[in-house]
Amino acid sequence: MSTWLYRIRPTRPALLSTGPTPAEQALIGRHFAYLQELTQRGIVHLAGRTTTTEEEGMGLVIFSAPGEPEARALMEGDPAVAGGVFAARLFPYRVALLNVDSLAEAQRVG
């Protein structure tokens, strides 16, 4: 099993400053449910987004997949990517350091 990262960015940059349209919000809700399910299944290790409203804001999903075709299928299966709300780019990824305790604390506080 390999580790992968996909980065997402809104295809409509104003989404970050003015908020989503109702259609975008529906797809973002499905996107969140998709990632929740994959997290519960142990596939997604971390998912989140920057909290800035500038155009360079982004989200990251770090996950495991056997190879690139499966990783790409998982990324492209994200409802907000498939629906065109987010543009996504896939990267092979290697974790170098991980502090599970501080990550859990940040999740609890954030």
PDB file of N, CA and C in Angstrom:
ATOM      1  N   MET A   1       0.857  -1.175   0.000  1.00  0.00           N
ATOM      2  CA  MET A   1       0.000   0.000   0.000  1.00  0.00           C
ATOM      3  C   MET A   1       0.898   1.231   0.000  1.00  0.00           C
ATOM      4  N   SER A   2       0.568   2.200  -0.834  1.00  0.00           N
ATOM      5  CA  SER A   2       1.325   3.444  -0.941  1.00  0.00           C
ATOM      6  C   SER A   2       0.509   4.598  -0.363  1.00  0.00           C
ATOM      7  N   THR A   3       1.206   5.664  -0.011  1.00  0.00           N
ATOM      8  CA  THR A   3       0.540   6.860   0.501  1.00  0.00           C
ATOM      9  C   THR A   3       0.475   7.903  -0.610  1.00  0.00           C
ATOM     10  N   TRP A   4      -0.661   8.597  -0.676  1.00  0.00           N
ATOM     11  CA  TRP A   4      -0.940   9.580  -1.711  1.00  0.00           C
ATOM     12  C   TRP A   4      -1.504  10.832  -1.083  1.00  0.00           C
ATOM     13  N   LEU A   5      -1.394  11.917  -1.802  1.00  0.00           N
ATOM     14  CA  LEU A   5      -1.978  13.188  -1.392  1.00  0.00           C
ATOM     15  C   LEU A   5      -2.692  13.760  -2.603  1.00  0.00           C
ATOM     16  N   TYR A   6      -3.909  14.242  -2.394  1.00  0.00           N
ATOM     17  CA  TYR A   6      -4.472  15.073  -3.454  1.00  0.00           C
ATOM     18  C   TYR A   6      -4.831  16.428  -2.890  1.00  0.00           C
ATOM     19  N   ARG A   7      -4.487  17.433  -3.692  1.00  0.00           N
ATOM     20  CA  ARG A   7      -4.739  18.827  -3.351  1.00  0.00           C
ATOM     21  C   ARG A   7      -5.957  19.285  -4.137  1.00  0.00           C
ATOM     22  N   ILE A   8      -6.843  19.968  -3.456  1.00  0.00           N
ATOM     23  CA  ILE A   8      -8.017  20.511  -4.139  1.00  0.00           C
ATOM     24  C   ILE A   8      -8.031  22.028  -4.000  1.00  0.00           C
ATOM     25  N   ARG A   9      -8.511  22.647  -5.052  1.00  0.00           N
ATOM     26  CA  ARG A   9      -8.698  24.099  -5.072  1.00  0.00           C
ATOM     27  C   ARG A   9     -10.036  24.374  -5.749  1.00  0.00           C
ATOM     28  N   PRO A  10     -10.742  25.377  -5.279  1.00  0.00           N
ATOM     29  CA  PRO A  10     -12.019  25.699  -5.920  1.00  0.00           C
ATOM     30  C   PRO A  10     -11.814  26.104  -7.379  1.00  0.00           C
ATOM     31  N   THR A  11     -12.685  25.655  -8.239  1.00  0.00           N
ATOM     32  CA  THR A  11     -12.628  26.076  -9.640  1.00  0.00           C
ATOM     33  C   THR A  11     -13.169  27.496  -9.785  1.00  0.00           C
ATOM     34  N   ARG A  12     -13.949  27.921  -8.813  1.00  0.00           N
ATOM     35  CA  ARG A  12     -14.443  29.308  -8.756  1.00  0.00           C
ATOM     36  C   ARG A  12     -13.816  29.926  -7.511  1.00  0.00           C
ATOM     37  N   PRO A  13     -12.713  30.663  -7.666  1.00  0.00           N
ATOM     38  CA  PRO A  13     -11.985  31.184  -6.504  1.00  0.00           C
ATOM     39  C   PRO A  13     -12.841  31.979  -5.518  1.00  0.00           C
ATOM     40  N   ALA A  14     -13.864  32.654  -5.972  1.00  0.00           N
ATOM     41  CA  ALA A  14     -14.715  33.435  -5.070  1.00  0.00           C
ATOM     42  C   ALA A  14     -15.449  32.560  -4.059  1.00  0.00           C
ATOM     43  N   LEU A  15     -15.511  31.276  -4.288  1.00  0.00           N
ATOM     44  CA  LEU A  15     -16.131  30.361  -3.330  1.00  0.00           C
ATOM     45  C   LEU A  15     -15.522  30.579  -1.945  1.00  0.00           C
ATOM     46  N   LEU A  16     -14.207  30.849  -1.883  1.00  0.00           N
ATOM     47  CA  LEU A  16     -13.527  31.021  -0.604  1.00  0.00           C
ATOM     48  C   LEU A  16     -13.868  32.340   0.077  1.00  0.00           C
ATOM     49  N   SER A  17     -14.210  33.360  -0.680  1.00  0.00           N
ATOM     50  CA  SER A  17     -14.482  34.669  -0.078  1.00  0.00           C
ATOM     51  C   SER A  17     -15.970  34.976   0.039  1.00  0.00           C
ATOM     52  N   THR A  18     -16.764  34.539  -0.926  1.00  0.00           N
ATOM     53  CA  THR A  18     -18.202  34.859  -0.889  1.00  0.00           C
ATOM     54  C   THR A  18     -19.059  33.667  -0.483  1.00  0.00           C
ATOM     55  N   GLY A  19     -18.442  32.480  -0.427  1.00  0.00           N
ATOM     56  CA  GLY A  19     -19.181  31.275  -0.045  1.00  0.00           C
ATOM     57  C   GLY A  19     -19.694  30.515  -1.255  1.00  0.00           C
ATOM     58  N   PRO A  20     -20.130  29.291  -1.014  1.00  0.00           N
ATOM     59  CA  PRO A  20     -20.610  28.456  -2.111  1.00  0.00           C
ATOM     60  C   PRO A  20     -22.033  28.796  -2.529  1.00  0.00           C
ATOM     61  N   THR A  21     -22.317  28.505  -3.781  1.00  0.00           N
ATOM     62  CA  THR A  21     -23.696  28.569  -4.264  1.00  0.00           C
ATOM     63  C   THR A  21     -24.442  27.365  -3.683  1.00  0.00           C
ATOM     64  N   PRO A  22     -25.752  27.329  -3.747  1.00  0.00           N
ATOM     65  CA  PRO A  22     -26.474  26.150  -3.253  1.00  0.00           C
ATOM     66  C   PRO A  22     -26.029  24.849  -3.949  1.00  0.00           C
ATOM     67  N   ALA A  23     -25.787  24.901  -5.241  1.00  0.00           N
ATOM     68  CA  ALA A  23     -25.339  23.689  -5.959  1.00  0.00           C
ATOM     69  C   ALA A  23     -23.953  23.268  -5.488  1.00  0.00           C
ATOM     70  N   GLU A  24     -23.056  24.239  -5.300  1.00  0.00           N
ATOM     71  CA  GLU A  24     -21.721  23.919  -4.792  1.00  0.00           C
ATOM     72  C   GLU A  24     -21.805  23.356  -3.382  1.00  0.00           C
ATOM     73  N   GLN A  25     -22.658  23.944  -2.549  1.00  0.00           N
ATOM     74  CA  GLN A  25     -22.795  23.478  -1.169  1.00  0.00           C
ATOM     75  C   GLN A  25     -23.264  22.034  -1.122  1.00  0.00           C
ATOM     76  N   ALA A  26     -24.172  21.670  -2.009  1.00  0.00           N
ATOM     77  CA  ALA A  26     -24.651  20.283  -2.051  1.00  0.00           C
ATOM     78  C   ALA A  26     -23.501  19.330  -2.383  1.00  0.00           C
ATOM     79  N   LEU A  27     -22.676  19.688  -3.351  1.00  0.00           N
ATOM     80  CA  LEU A  27     -21.537  18.836  -3.712  1.00  0.00           C
ATOM     81  C   LEU A  27     -20.479  18.820  -2.624  1.00  0.00           C
ATOM     82  N   ILE A  28     -20.275  19.937  -1.941  1.00  0.00           N
ATOM     83  CA  ILE A  28     -19.309  19.975  -0.839  1.00  0.00           C
ATOM     84  C   ILE A  28     -19.796  19.087   0.309  1.00  0.00           C
ATOM     85  N   GLY A  29     -21.092  19.060   0.554  1.00  0.00           N
ATOM     86  CA  GLY A  29     -21.644  18.149   1.563  1.00  0.00           C
ATOM     87  C   GLY A  29     -21.392  16.694   1.207  1.00  0.00           C
ATOM     88  N   ARG A  30     -21.572  16.348  -0.057  1.00  0.00           N
ATOM     89  CA  ARG A  30     -21.303  14.977  -0.513  1.00  0.00           C
ATOM     90  C   ARG A  30     -19.809  14.669  -0.435  1.00  0.00           C
ATOM     91  N   HIS A  31     -18.971  15.660  -0.741  1.00  0.00           N
ATOM     92  CA  HIS A  31     -17.516  15.531  -0.634  1.00  0.00           C
ATOM     93  C   HIS A  31     -17.134  15.189   0.809  1.00  0.00           C
ATOM     94  N   PHE A  32     -17.701  15.917   1.770  1.00  0.00           N
ATOM     95  CA  PHE A  32     -17.381  15.677   3.178  1.00  0.00           C
ATOM     96  C   PHE A  32     -17.831  14.279   3.603  1.00  0.00           C
ATOM     97  N   ALA A  33     -19.021  13.877   3.207  1.00  0.00           N
ATOM     98  CA  ALA A  33     -19.517  12.538   3.545  1.00  0.00           C
ATOM     99  C   ALA A  33     -18.631  11.451   2.925  1.00  0.00           C
ATOM    100  N   TYR A  34     -18.184  11.670   1.711  1.00  0.00           N
ATOM    101  CA  TYR A  34     -17.277  10.734   1.018  1.00  0.00           C
ATOM    102  C   TYR A  34     -15.986  10.568   1.810  1.00  0.00           C
ATOM    103  N   LEU A  35     -15.402  11.689   2.220  1.00  0.00           N
ATOM    104  CA  LEU A  35     -14.146  11.622   2.985  1.00  0.00           C
ATOM    105  C   LEU A  35     -14.370  11.028   4.369  1.00  0.00           C
ATOM    106  N   GLN A  36     -15.505  11.303   4.994  1.00  0.00           N
ATOM    107  CA  GLN A  36     -15.825  10.692   6.291  1.00  0.00           C
ATOM    108  C   GLN A  36     -15.865   9.168   6.168  1.00  0.00           C
ATOM    109  N   GLU A  37     -16.541   8.680   5.136  1.00  0.00           N
ATOM    110  CA  GLU A  37     -16.642   7.237   4.940  1.00  0.00           C
ATOM    111  C   GLU A  37     -15.261   6.621   4.717  1.00  0.00           C
ATOM    112  N   LEU A  38     -14.445   7.262   3.874  1.00  0.00           N
ATOM    113  CA  LEU A  38     -13.100   6.746   3.607  1.00  0.00           C
ATOM    114  C   LEU A  38     -12.221   6.798   4.852  1.00  0.00           C
ATOM    115  N   THR A  39     -12.431   7.787   5.696  1.00  0.00           N
ATOM    116  CA  THR A  39     -11.691   7.864   6.961  1.00  0.00           C
ATOM    117  C   THR A  39     -12.114   6.729   7.880  1.00  0.00           C
ATOM    118  N   GLN A  40     -13.397   6.487   7.988  1.00  0.00           N
ATOM    119  CA  GLN A  40     -13.900   5.404   8.827  1.00  0.00           C
ATOM    120  C   GLN A  40     -13.406   4.038   8.354  1.00  0.00           C
ATOM    121  N   ARG A  41     -13.192   3.906   7.049  1.00  0.00           N
ATOM    122  CA  ARG A  41     -12.688   2.643   6.483  1.00  0.00           C
ATOM    123  C   ARG A  41     -11.168   2.524   6.591  1.00  0.00           C
ATOM    124  N   GLY A  42     -10.492   3.559   7.098  1.00  0.00           N
ATOM    125  CA  GLY A  42      -9.046   3.519   7.273  1.00  0.00           C
ATOM    126  C   GLY A  42      -8.259   3.862   6.023  1.00  0.00           C
ATOM    127  N   ILE A  43      -8.910   4.404   5.016  1.00  0.00           N
ATOM    128  CA  ILE A  43      -8.240   4.762   3.760  1.00  0.00           C
ATOM    129  C   ILE A  43      -7.678   6.175   3.838  1.00  0.00           C
ATOM    130  N   VAL A  44      -8.492   7.119   4.291  1.00  0.00           N
ATOM    131  CA  VAL A  44      -8.034   8.502   4.454  1.00  0.00           C
ATOM    132  C   VAL A  44      -7.403   8.633   5.830  1.00  0.00           C
ATOM    133  N   HIS A  45      -6.219   9.225   5.860  1.00  0.00           N
ATOM    134  CA  HIS A  45      -5.494   9.435   7.112  1.00  0.00           C
ATOM    135  C   HIS A  45      -5.682  10.848   7.637  1.00  0.00           C
ATOM    136  N   LEU A  46      -5.807  11.802   6.739  1.00  0.00           N
ATOM    137  CA  LEU A  46      -5.934  13.200   7.130  1.00  0.00           C
ATOM    138  C   LEU A  46      -6.610  13.945   5.984  1.00  0.00           C
ATOM    139  N   ALA A  47      -7.537  14.803   6.330  1.00  0.00           N
ATOM    140  CA  ALA A  47      -8.178  15.664   5.329  1.00  0.00           C
ATOM    141  C   ALA A  47      -8.462  16.996   5.989  1.00  0.00           C
ATOM    142  N   GLY A  48      -8.223  18.058   5.269  1.00  0.00           N
ATOM    143  CA  GLY A  48      -8.483  19.377   5.822  1.00  0.00           C
ATOM    144  C   GLY A  48      -8.242  20.447   4.784  1.00  0.00           C
ATOM    145  N   ARG A  49      -8.419  21.689   5.222  1.00  0.00           N
ATOM    146  CA  ARG A  49      -8.262  22.814   4.304  1.00  0.00           C
ATOM    147  C   ARG A  49      -7.652  23.997   5.018  1.00  0.00           C
ATOM    148  N   THR A  50      -7.095  24.878   4.229  1.00  0.00           N
ATOM    149  CA  THR A  50      -6.629  26.137   4.791  1.00  0.00           C
ATOM    150  C   THR A  50      -7.865  26.960   5.143  1.00  0.00           C
ATOM    151  N   THR A  51      -7.699  27.883   6.067  1.00  0.00           N
ATOM    152  CA  THR A  51      -8.843  28.696   6.472  1.00  0.00           C
ATOM    153  C   THR A  51      -8.780  30.108   5.907  1.00  0.00           C
ATOM    154  N   THR A  52      -7.874  30.311   4.968  1.00  0.00           N
ATOM    155  CA  THR A  52      -7.770  31.617   4.327  1.00  0.00           C
ATOM    156  C   THR A  52      -8.858  31.773   3.273  1.00  0.00           C
ATOM    157  N   THR A  53      -9.128  33.013   2.932  1.00  0.00           N
ATOM    158  CA  THR A  53     -10.122  33.280   1.887  1.00  0.00           C
ATOM    159  C   THR A  53      -9.464  33.765   0.601  1.00  0.00           C
ATOM    160  N   GLU A  54      -8.133  33.799   0.583  1.00  0.00           N
ATOM    161  CA  GLU A  54      -7.421  34.198  -0.624  1.00  0.00           C
ATOM    162  C   GLU A  54      -7.464  33.077  -1.662  1.00  0.00           C
ATOM    163  N   GLU A  55      -7.174  33.442  -2.889  1.00  0.00           N
ATOM    164  CA  GLU A  55      -7.241  32.513  -4.009  1.00  0.00           C
ATOM    165  C   GLU A  55      -6.335  31.291  -3.846  1.00  0.00           C
ATOM    166  N   GLU A  56      -5.222  31.419  -3.101  1.00  0.00           N
ATOM    167  CA  GLU A  56      -4.310  30.281  -2.957  1.00  0.00           C
ATOM    168  C   GLU A  56      -4.767  29.270  -1.900  1.00  0.00           C
ATOM    169  N   GLY A  57      -5.938  29.480  -1.300  1.00  0.00           N
ATOM    170  CA  GLY A  57      -6.479  28.506  -0.356  1.00  0.00           C
ATOM    171  C   GLY A  57      -6.644  27.140  -1.011  1.00  0.00           C
ATOM    172  N   MET A  58      -6.524  26.100  -0.188  1.00  0.00           N
ATOM    173  CA  MET A  58      -6.596  24.740  -0.727  1.00  0.00           C
ATOM    174  C   MET A  58      -6.997  23.743   0.343  1.00  0.00           C
ATOM    175  N   GLY A  59      -7.327  22.565  -0.096  1.00  0.00           N
ATOM    176  CA  GLY A  59      -7.563  21.439   0.786  1.00  0.00           C
ATOM    177  C   GLY A  59      -6.581  20.332   0.446  1.00  0.00           C
ATOM    178  N   LEU A  60      -6.324  19.467   1.434  1.00  0.00           N
ATOM    179  CA  LEU A  60      -5.429  18.318   1.240  1.00  0.00           C
ATOM    180  C   LEU A  60      -6.106  17.065   1.766  1.00  0.00           C
ATOM    181  N   VAL A  61      -5.895  15.974   1.058  1.00  0.00           N
ATOM    182  CA  VAL A  61      -6.362  14.667   1.502  1.00  0.00           C
ATOM    183  C   VAL A  61      -5.166  13.728   1.400  1.00  0.00           C
ATOM    184  N   ILE A  62      -4.780  13.129   2.525  1.00  0.00           N
ATOM    185  CA  ILE A  62      -3.683  12.159   2.546  1.00  0.00           C
ATOM    186  C   ILE A  62      -4.311  10.795   2.794  1.00  0.00           C
ATOM    187  N   PHE A  63      -3.986   9.835   1.947  1.00  0.00           N
ATOM    188  CA  PHE A  63      -4.668   8.543   1.985  1.00  0.00           C
ATOM    189  C   PHE A  63      -3.780   7.428   1.459  1.00  0.00           C
ATOM    190  N   SER A  64      -4.238   6.196   1.624  1.00  0.00           N
ATOM    191  CA  SER A  64      -3.519   5.029   1.119  1.00  0.00           C
ATOM    192  C   SER A  64      -4.272   4.401  -0.040  1.00  0.00           C
ATOM    193  N   ALA A  65      -3.503   3.908  -0.995  1.00  0.00           N
ATOM    194  CA  ALA A  65      -4.059   3.177  -2.144  1.00  0.00           C
ATOM    195  C   ALA A  65      -2.958   2.266  -2.669  1.00  0.00           C
ATOM    196  N   PRO A  66      -3.330   1.150  -3.287  1.00  0.00           N
ATOM    197  CA  PRO A  66      -2.313   0.206  -3.774  1.00  0.00           C
ATOM    198  C   PRO A  66      -1.392   0.787  -4.851  1.00  0.00           C
ATOM    199  N   GLY A  67      -1.918   1.648  -5.696  1.00  0.00           N
ATOM    200  CA  GLY A  67      -1.122   2.203  -6.788  1.00  0.00           C
ATOM    201  C   GLY A  67      -1.778   3.443  -7.353  1.00  0.00           C
ATOM    202  N   GLU A  68      -1.134   4.004  -8.370  1.00  0.00           N
ATOM    203  CA  GLU A  68      -1.649   5.254  -8.939  1.00  0.00           C
ATOM    204  C   GLU A  68      -3.038   5.130  -9.549  1.00  0.00           C
ATOM    205  N   PRO A  69      -3.353   4.055 -10.276  1.00  0.00           N
ATOM    206  CA  PRO A  69      -4.712   3.989 -10.839  1.00  0.00           C
ATOM    207  C   PRO A  69      -5.802   4.027  -9.755  1.00  0.00           C
ATOM    208  N   GLU A  70      -5.571   3.312  -8.652  1.00  0.00           N
ATOM    209  CA  GLU A  70      -6.547   3.298  -7.564  1.00  0.00           C
ATOM    210  C   GLU A  70      -6.599   4.657  -6.852  1.00  0.00           C
ATOM    211  N   ALA A  71      -5.431   5.286  -6.682  1.00  0.00           N
ATOM    212  CA  ALA A  71      -5.377   6.602  -6.050  1.00  0.00           C
ATOM    213  C   ALA A  71      -6.113   7.627  -6.910  1.00  0.00           C
ATOM    214  N   ARG A  72      -5.886   7.572  -8.206  1.00  0.00           N
ATOM    215  CA  ARG A  72      -6.546   8.509  -9.117  1.00  0.00           C
ATOM    216  C   ARG A  72      -8.063   8.282  -9.109  1.00  0.00           C
ATOM    217  N   ALA A  73      -8.475   7.034  -9.079  1.00  0.00           N
ATOM    218  CA  ALA A  73      -9.907   6.726  -9.051  1.00  0.00           C
ATOM    219  C   ALA A  73     -10.544   7.251  -7.764  1.00  0.00           C
ATOM    220  N   LEU A  74      -9.842   7.139  -6.652  1.00  0.00           N
ATOM    221  CA  LEU A  74     -10.365   7.655  -5.392  1.00  0.00           C
ATOM    222  C   LEU A  74     -10.510   9.180  -5.463  1.00  0.00           C
ATOM    223  N   MET A  75      -9.488   9.852  -5.970  1.00  0.00           N
ATOM    224  CA  MET A  75      -9.535  11.311  -6.104  1.00  0.00           C
ATOM    225  C   MET A  75     -10.668  11.722  -7.052  1.00  0.00           C
ATOM    226  N   GLU A  76     -10.749  11.085  -8.188  1.00  0.00           N
ATOM    227  CA  GLU A  76     -11.769  11.436  -9.173  1.00  0.00           C
ATOM    228  C   GLU A  76     -13.167  11.037  -8.728  1.00  0.00           C
ATOM    229  N   GLY A  77     -13.259  10.117  -7.759  1.00  0.00           N
ATOM    230  CA  GLY A  77     -14.549   9.718  -7.203  1.00  0.00           C
ATOM    231  C   GLY A  77     -15.084  10.686  -6.164  1.00  0.00           C
ATOM    232  N   ASP A  78     -14.266  11.640  -5.746  1.00  0.00           N
ATOM    233  CA  ASP A  78     -14.695  12.664  -4.807  1.00  0.00           C
ATOM    234  C   ASP A  78     -15.813  13.458  -5.492  1.00  0.00           C
ATOM    235  N   PRO A  79     -17.000  13.513  -4.908  1.00  0.00           N
ATOM    236  CA  PRO A  79     -18.122  14.168  -5.573  1.00  0.00           C
ATOM    237  C   PRO A  79     -17.875  15.626  -5.968  1.00  0.00           C
ATOM    238  N   ALA A  80     -17.122  16.375  -5.168  1.00  0.00           N
ATOM    239  CA  ALA A  80     -16.864  17.778  -5.501  1.00  0.00           C
ATOM    240  C   ALA A  80     -15.836  17.909  -6.619  1.00  0.00           C
ATOM    241  N   VAL A  81     -14.974  16.921  -6.765  1.00  0.00           N
ATOM    242  CA  VAL A  81     -14.033  16.895  -7.891  1.00  0.00           C
ATOM    243  C   VAL A  81     -14.799  16.478  -9.142  1.00  0.00           C
ATOM    244  N   ALA A  82     -15.537  15.385  -9.040  1.00  0.00           N
ATOM    245  CA  ALA A  82     -16.319  14.896 -10.187  1.00  0.00           C
ATOM    246  C   ALA A  82     -17.337  15.940 -10.643  1.00  0.00           C
ATOM    247  N   GLY A  83     -17.883  16.701  -9.694  1.00  0.00           N
ATOM    248  CA  GLY A  83     -18.891  17.705 -10.014  1.00  0.00           C
ATOM    249  C   GLY A  83     -18.323  19.040 -10.456  1.00  0.00           C
ATOM    250  N   GLY A  84     -16.995  19.176 -10.470  1.00  0.00           N
ATOM    251  CA  GLY A  84     -16.370  20.386 -10.977  1.00  0.00           C
ATOM    252  C   GLY A  84     -16.263  21.543  -9.992  1.00  0.00           C
ATOM    253  N   VAL A  85     -16.610  21.327  -8.724  1.00  0.00           N
ATOM    254  CA  VAL A  85     -16.469  22.388  -7.727  1.00  0.00           C
ATOM    255  C   VAL A  85     -14.992  22.577  -7.369  1.00  0.00           C
ATOM    256  N   PHE A  86     -14.262  21.468  -7.302  1.00  0.00           N
ATOM    257  CA  PHE A  86     -12.835  21.506  -6.990  1.00  0.00           C
ATOM    258  C   PHE A  86     -12.030  20.925  -8.135  1.00  0.00           C
ATOM    259  N   ALA A  87     -10.910  21.564  -8.433  1.00  0.00           N
ATOM    260  CA  ALA A  87      -9.896  20.978  -9.311  1.00  0.00           C
ATOM    261  C   ALA A  87      -8.932  20.235  -8.394  1.00  0.00           C
ATOM    262  N   ALA A  88      -8.487  19.065  -8.803  1.00  0.00           N
ATOM    263  CA  ALA A  88      -7.638  18.241  -7.943  1.00  0.00           C
ATOM    264  C   ALA A  88      -6.363  17.833  -8.669  1.00  0.00           C
ATOM    265  N   ARG A  89      -5.317  17.673  -7.878  1.00  0.00           N
ATOM    266  CA  ARG A  89      -4.039  17.188  -8.400  1.00  0.00           C
ATOM    267  C   ARG A  89      -3.500  16.132  -7.449  1.00  0.00           C
ATOM    268  N   LEU A  90      -3.064  15.022  -8.021  1.00  0.00           N
ATOM    269  CA  LEU A  90      -2.592  13.863  -7.256  1.00  0.00           C
ATOM    270  C   LEU A  90      -1.075  13.869  -7.153  1.00  0.00           C
ATOM    271  N   PHE A  91      -0.569  13.511  -5.965  1.00  0.00           N
ATOM    272  CA  PHE A  91       0.865  13.407  -5.724  1.00  0.00           C
ATOM    273  C   PHE A  91       1.168  12.130  -4.951  1.00  0.00           C
ATOM    274  N   PRO A  92       2.234  11.401  -5.308  1.00  0.00           N
ATOM    275  CA  PRO A  92       2.712  10.357  -4.393  1.00  0.00           C
ATOM    276  C   PRO A  92       3.263  11.074  -3.162  1.00  0.00           C
ATOM    277  N   TYR A  93       3.131  10.468  -2.001  1.00  0.00           N
ATOM    278  CA  TYR A  93       3.477  11.162  -0.765  1.00  0.00           C
ATOM    279  C   TYR A  93       4.160  10.210   0.197  1.00  0.00           C
ATOM    280  N   ARG A  94       5.119  10.740   0.930  1.00  0.00           N
ATOM    281  CA  ARG A  94       5.791   9.946   1.956  1.00  0.00           C
ATOM    282  C   ARG A  94       5.778  10.726   3.259  1.00  0.00           C
ATOM    283  N   VAL A  95       5.259  10.123   4.301  1.00  0.00           N
ATOM    284  CA  VAL A  95       5.266  10.747   5.621  1.00  0.00           C
ATOM    285  C   VAL A  95       6.675  10.616   6.175  1.00  0.00           C
ATOM    286  N   ALA A  96       7.263  11.741   6.588  1.00  0.00           N
ATOM    287  CA  ALA A  96       8.603  11.722   7.180  1.00  0.00           C
ATOM    288  C   ALA A  96       8.517  11.783   8.697  1.00  0.00           C
ATOM    289  N   LEU A  97       7.631  12.592   9.220  1.00  0.00           N
ATOM    290  CA  LEU A  97       7.452  12.740  10.665  1.00  0.00           C
ATOM    291  C   LEU A  97       5.959  12.831  10.950  1.00  0.00           C
ATOM    292  N   LEU A  98       5.558  12.276  12.077  1.00  0.00           N
ATOM    293  CA  LEU A  98       4.153  12.332  12.461  1.00  0.00           C
ATOM    294  C   LEU A  98       4.061  12.356  13.977  1.00  0.00           C
ATOM    295  N   ASN A  99       3.415  13.354  14.509  1.00  0.00           N
ATOM    296  CA  ASN A  99       3.179  13.458  15.939  1.00  0.00           C
ATOM    297  C   ASN A  99       1.685  13.286  16.154  1.00  0.00           C
ATOM    298  N   VAL A 100       1.274  12.075  16.414  1.00  0.00           N
ATOM    299  CA  VAL A 100      -0.144  11.757  16.545  1.00  0.00           C
ATOM    300  C   VAL A 100      -0.773  12.517  17.703  1.00  0.00           C
ATOM    301  N   ASP A 101      -0.057  12.677  18.799  1.00  0.00           N
ATOM    302  CA  ASP A 101      -0.616  13.375  19.959  1.00  0.00           C
ATOM    303  C   ASP A 101      -0.944  14.830  19.643  1.00  0.00           C
ATOM    304  N   SER A 102      -0.034  15.543  18.992  1.00  0.00           N
ATOM    305  CA  SER A 102      -0.304  16.952  18.689  1.00  0.00           C
ATOM    306  C   SER A 102      -1.380  17.077  17.612  1.00  0.00           C
ATOM    307  N   LEU A 103      -1.434  16.130  16.699  1.00  0.00           N
ATOM    308  CA  LEU A 103      -2.477  16.148  15.681  1.00  0.00           C
ATOM    309  C   LEU A 103      -3.846  15.956  16.335  1.00  0.00           C
ATOM    310  N   ALA A 104      -3.945  15.033  17.269  1.00  0.00           N
ATOM    311  CA  ALA A 104      -5.203  14.809  17.983  1.00  0.00           C
ATOM    312  C   ALA A 104      -5.586  16.050  18.781  1.00  0.00           C
ATOM    313  N   GLU A 105      -4.623  16.705  19.411  1.00  0.00           N
ATOM    314  CA  GLU A 105      -4.895  17.929  20.172  1.00  0.00           C
ATOM    315  C   GLU A 105      -5.389  19.047  19.260  1.00  0.00           C
ATOM    316  N   ALA A 106      -4.745  19.207  18.112  1.00  0.00           N
ATOM    317  CA  ALA A 106      -5.163  20.237  17.164  1.00  0.00           C
ATOM    318  C   ALA A 106      -6.584  19.971  16.688  1.00  0.00           C
ATOM    319  N   GLN A 107      -6.925  18.722  16.481  1.00  0.00           N
ATOM    320  CA  GLN A 107      -8.279  18.364  16.041  1.00  0.00           C
ATOM    321  C   GLN A 107      -9.290  18.687  17.143  1.00  0.00           C
ATOM    322  N   ARG A 108      -8.938  18.410  18.382  1.00  0.00           N
ATOM    323  CA  ARG A 108      -9.838  18.656  19.500  1.00  0.00           C
ATOM    324  C   ARG A 108     -10.075  20.150  19.693  1.00  0.00           C
ATOM    325  N   VAL A 109      -9.014  20.945  19.596  1.00  0.00           N
ATOM    326  CA  VAL A 109      -9.098  22.388  19.813  1.00  0.00           C
ATOM    327  C   VAL A 109      -9.722  23.094  18.619  1.00  0.00           C
ATOM    328  N   GLY A 110      -9.330  22.667  17.404  1.00  0.00           N
ATOM    329  CA  GLY A 110      -9.739  23.354  16.179  1.00  0.00           C
ATOM    330  C   GLY A 110     -11.157  23.196  15.862  1.00  0.00           C
TER     331      GLY A 110
END
